[in-house]
């Protein structure tokens, strides 16, 4: 009976070891799944942040471009107005008077 008892004990130990290995594999698979999920979430967050930063940079660039365009137009308008004033003075000094389009419609 001691031989049968030893065999039974040996089989019980082997079965427990098999259950322990299965449990270890199960824990390892769970750990891998959780780790993969966290990596996926982290990549998604990084993509969102990168895309948001690109959107903000694009909007800022568009705004700066529009502001520059407005500033250029204002500067050009002033330059053209100053040239027109200088040209009218030059013509006036020669005795020539410019008639504006508004005045030609009234005639």
C-alpha atoms as a PDB file:
ATOM      1  CA  UNK A   1       0.000   0.000   0.000  1.00  0.00           C
ATOM      2  CA  UNK A   2       2.875   2.319   0.593  1.00  0.00           C
ATOM      3  CA  UNK A   3       3.886   1.815  -3.031  1.00  0.00           C
ATOM      4  CA  UNK A   4       0.350   2.653  -4.187  1.00  0.00           C
ATOM      5  CA  UNK A   5       0.289   5.613  -1.785  1.00  0.00           C
ATOM      6  CA  UNK A   6       3.598   6.872  -3.142  1.00  0.00           C
ATOM      7  CA  UNK A   7       2.296   6.535  -6.714  1.00  0.00           C
ATOM      8  CA  UNK A   8      -0.886   8.395  -5.797  1.00  0.00           C
ATOM      9  CA  UNK A   9       1.126  11.128  -4.119  1.00  0.00           C
ATOM     10  CA  UNK A  10       3.371  11.346  -7.168  1.00  0.00           C
ATOM     11  CA  UNK A  11       0.344  11.680  -9.494  1.00  0.00           C
ATOM     12  CA  UNK A  12      -1.220  14.304  -7.228  1.00  0.00           C
ATOM     13  CA  UNK A  13       2.012  16.311  -7.197  1.00  0.00           C
ATOM     14  CA  UNK A  14       2.293  16.037 -11.007  1.00  0.00           C
ATOM     15  CA  UNK A  15      -1.329  17.137 -11.421  1.00  0.00           C
ATOM     16  CA  UNK A  16      -0.753  20.098  -9.094  1.00  0.00           C
ATOM     17  CA  UNK A  17       2.365  21.050 -11.025  1.00  0.00           C
ATOM     18  CA  UNK A  18       0.390  20.874 -14.293  1.00  0.00           C
ATOM     19  CA  UNK A  19      -2.341  23.123 -12.780  1.00  0.00           C
ATOM     20  CA  UNK A  20       0.331  25.536 -11.550  1.00  0.00           C
ATOM     21  CA  UNK A  21       1.906  25.680 -15.028  1.00  0.00           C
ATOM     22  CA  UNK A  22      -1.504  26.272 -16.632  1.00  0.00           C
ATOM     23  CA  UNK A  23      -2.204  29.043 -14.119  1.00  0.00           C
ATOM     24  CA  UNK A  24       1.206  30.610 -14.792  1.00  0.00           C
ATOM     25  CA  UNK A  25       0.549  30.516 -18.546  1.00  0.00           C
ATOM     26  CA  UNK A  26      -2.896  32.033 -17.950  1.00  0.00           C
ATOM     27  CA  UNK A  27      -1.405  34.862 -15.845  1.00  0.00           C
ATOM     28  CA  UNK A  28       1.275  35.439 -18.481  1.00  0.00           C
ATOM     29  CA  UNK A  29      -1.330  35.653 -21.266  1.00  0.00           C
ATOM     30  CA  UNK A  30      -3.392  38.083 -19.185  1.00  0.00           C
ATOM     31  CA  UNK A  31      -0.287  40.196 -18.522  1.00  0.00           C
ATOM     32  CA  UNK A  32       0.537  40.249 -22.244  1.00  0.00           C
ATOM     33  CA  UNK A  33      -3.034  41.294 -23.115  1.00  0.00           C
ATOM     34  CA  UNK A  34      -3.043  44.093 -20.529  1.00  0.00           C
ATOM     35  CA  UNK A  35       0.381  45.289 -21.657  1.00  0.00           C
ATOM     36  CA  UNK A  36      -0.715  45.284 -25.315  1.00  0.00           C
ATOM     37  CA  UNK A  37      -3.856  47.258 -24.412  1.00  0.00           C
ATOM     38  CA  UNK A  38      -1.842  49.864 -22.515  1.00  0.00           C
ATOM     39  CA  UNK A  39       0.611  50.177 -25.407  1.00  0.00           C
ATOM     40  CA  UNK A  40      -2.301  50.639 -27.836  1.00  0.00           C
ATOM     41  CA  UNK A  41      -3.889  53.309 -25.632  1.00  0.00           C
ATOM     42  CA  UNK A  42      -0.579  55.120 -25.237  1.00  0.00           C
ATOM     43  CA  UNK A  43      -0.015  55.150 -29.011  1.00  0.00           C
ATOM     44  CA  UNK A  44      -3.553  56.452 -29.554  1.00  0.00           C
ATOM     45  CA  UNK A  45      -2.947  59.244 -27.032  1.00  0.00           C
ATOM     46  CA  UNK A  46       0.342  60.162 -28.705  1.00  0.00           C
ATOM     47  CA  UNK A  47      -1.363  60.208 -32.115  1.00  0.00           C
ATOM     48  CA  UNK A  48      -4.134  62.440 -30.755  1.00  0.00           C
ATOM     49  CA  UNK A  49      -1.611  64.836 -29.185  1.00  0.00           C
ATOM     50  CA  UNK A  50       0.491  64.939 -32.375  1.00  0.00           C
ATOM     51  CA  UNK A  51      -2.567  65.542 -34.565  1.00  0.00           C
ATOM     52  CA  UNK A  52      -3.862  68.252 -32.223  1.00  0.00           C
ATOM     53  CA  UNK A  53      -0.469  69.981 -32.218  1.00  0.00           C
ATOM     54  CA  UNK A  54      -0.371  69.871 -36.025  1.00  0.00           C
ATOM     55  CA  UNK A  55      -3.880  71.329 -36.206  1.00  0.00           C
ATOM     56  CA  UNK A  56      -2.980  74.130 -33.799  1.00  0.00           C
ATOM     57  CA  UNK A  57       0.232  74.882 -35.701  1.00  0.00           C
ATOM     58  CA  UNK A  58      -1.669  74.956 -39.005  1.00  0.00           C
ATOM     59  CA  UNK A  59      -4.284  77.325 -37.548  1.00  0.00           C
ATOM     60  CA  UNK A  60      -1.591  79.594 -36.103  1.00  0.00           C
ATOM     61  CA  UNK A  61       0.238  79.646 -39.436  1.00  0.00           C
ATOM     62  CA  UNK A  62      -2.973  80.525 -41.294  1.00  0.00           C
ATOM     63  CA  UNK A  63      -3.721  83.299 -38.802  1.00  0.00           C
ATOM     64  CA  UNK A  64      -0.183  84.692 -39.088  1.00  0.00           C
ATOM     65  CA  UNK A  65      -0.426  84.564 -42.892  1.00  0.00           C
ATOM     66  CA  UNK A  66      -3.732  86.447 -42.833  1.00  0.00           C
ATOM     67  CA  UNK A  67      -2.342  89.067 -40.458  1.00  0.00           C
ATOM     68  CA  UNK A  68       0.711  89.514 -42.676  1.00  0.00           C
ATOM     69  CA  UNK A  69      -1.510  89.832 -45.752  1.00  0.00           C
ATOM     70  CA  UNK A  70      -3.575  92.541 -44.022  1.00  0.00           C
ATOM     71  CA  UNK A  71      -0.440  94.401 -42.898  1.00  0.00           C
ATOM     72  CA  UNK A  72       0.966  94.287 -46.445  1.00  0.00           C
ATOM     73  CA  UNK A  73      -2.273  95.671 -47.894  1.00  0.00           C
ATOM     74  CA  UNK A  74      -2.305  98.526 -45.370  1.00  0.00           C
ATOM     75  CA  UNK A  75       1.338  99.320 -46.095  1.00  0.00           C
ATOM     76  CA  UNK A  76       0.764  99.184 -49.858  1.00  0.00           C
ATOM     77  CA  UNK A  77      -2.307 101.428 -49.537  1.00  0.00           C
ATOM     78  CA  UNK A  78      -0.247 104.002 -47.627  1.00  0.00           C
ATOM     79  CA  UNK A  79       2.541 103.847 -50.193  1.00  0.00           C
ATOM     80  CA  UNK A  80       0.106 104.305 -53.063  1.00  0.00           C
ATOM     81  CA  UNK A  81      -1.670 107.156 -51.285  1.00  0.00           C
ATOM     82  CA  UNK A  82       1.648 108.918 -50.657  1.00  0.00           C
ATOM     83  CA  UNK A  83       2.644 108.416 -54.298  1.00  0.00           C
ATOM     84  CA  UNK A  84      -0.708 109.812 -55.421  1.00  0.00           C
ATOM     85  CA  UNK A  85      -0.311 112.873 -53.200  1.00  0.00           C
ATOM     86  CA  UNK A  86       3.231 113.440 -54.497  1.00  0.00           C
ATOM     87  CA  UNK A  87       2.063 112.973 -58.094  1.00  0.00           C
ATOM     88  CA  UNK A  88      -0.820 115.461 -57.641  1.00  0.00           C
ATOM     89  CA  UNK A  89       1.604 118.000 -56.133  1.00  0.00           C
ATOM     90  CA  UNK A  90       3.972 117.500 -59.027  1.00  0.00           C
ATOM     91  CA  UNK A  91       1.169 117.978 -61.553  1.00  0.00           C
ATOM     92  CA  UNK A  92      -0.196 120.956 -59.609  1.00  0.00           C
ATOM     93  CA  UNK A  93       3.241 122.555 -59.707  1.00  0.00           C
ATOM     94  CA  UNK A  94       3.114 122.189 -63.519  1.00  0.00           C
ATOM     95  CA  UNK A  95      -0.397 123.666 -63.592  1.00  0.00           C
ATOM     96  CA  UNK A  96      -2.192 120.394 -64.380  1.00  0.00           C
ATOM     97  CA  UNK A  97      -5.255 119.414 -62.344  1.00  0.00           C
ATOM     98  CA  UNK A  98      -6.514 115.814 -62.154  1.00  0.00           C
ATOM     99  CA  UNK A  99     -10.241 115.292 -62.291  1.00  0.00           C
ATOM    100  CA  UNK A 100     -11.396 112.313 -60.290  1.00  0.00           C
ATOM    101  CA  UNK A 101     -13.832 109.773 -61.691  1.00  0.00           C
ATOM    102  CA  UNK A 102     -16.465 110.889 -59.193  1.00  0.00           C
ATOM    103  CA  UNK A 103     -16.417 114.393 -60.699  1.00  0.00           C
ATOM    104  CA  UNK A 104     -16.687 113.164 -64.318  1.00  0.00           C
ATOM    105  CA  UNK A 105     -19.988 111.428 -63.575  1.00  0.00           C
ATOM    106  CA  UNK A 106     -21.580 114.711 -62.445  1.00  0.00           C
ATOM    107  CA  UNK A 107     -20.910 116.512 -65.752  1.00  0.00           C
END
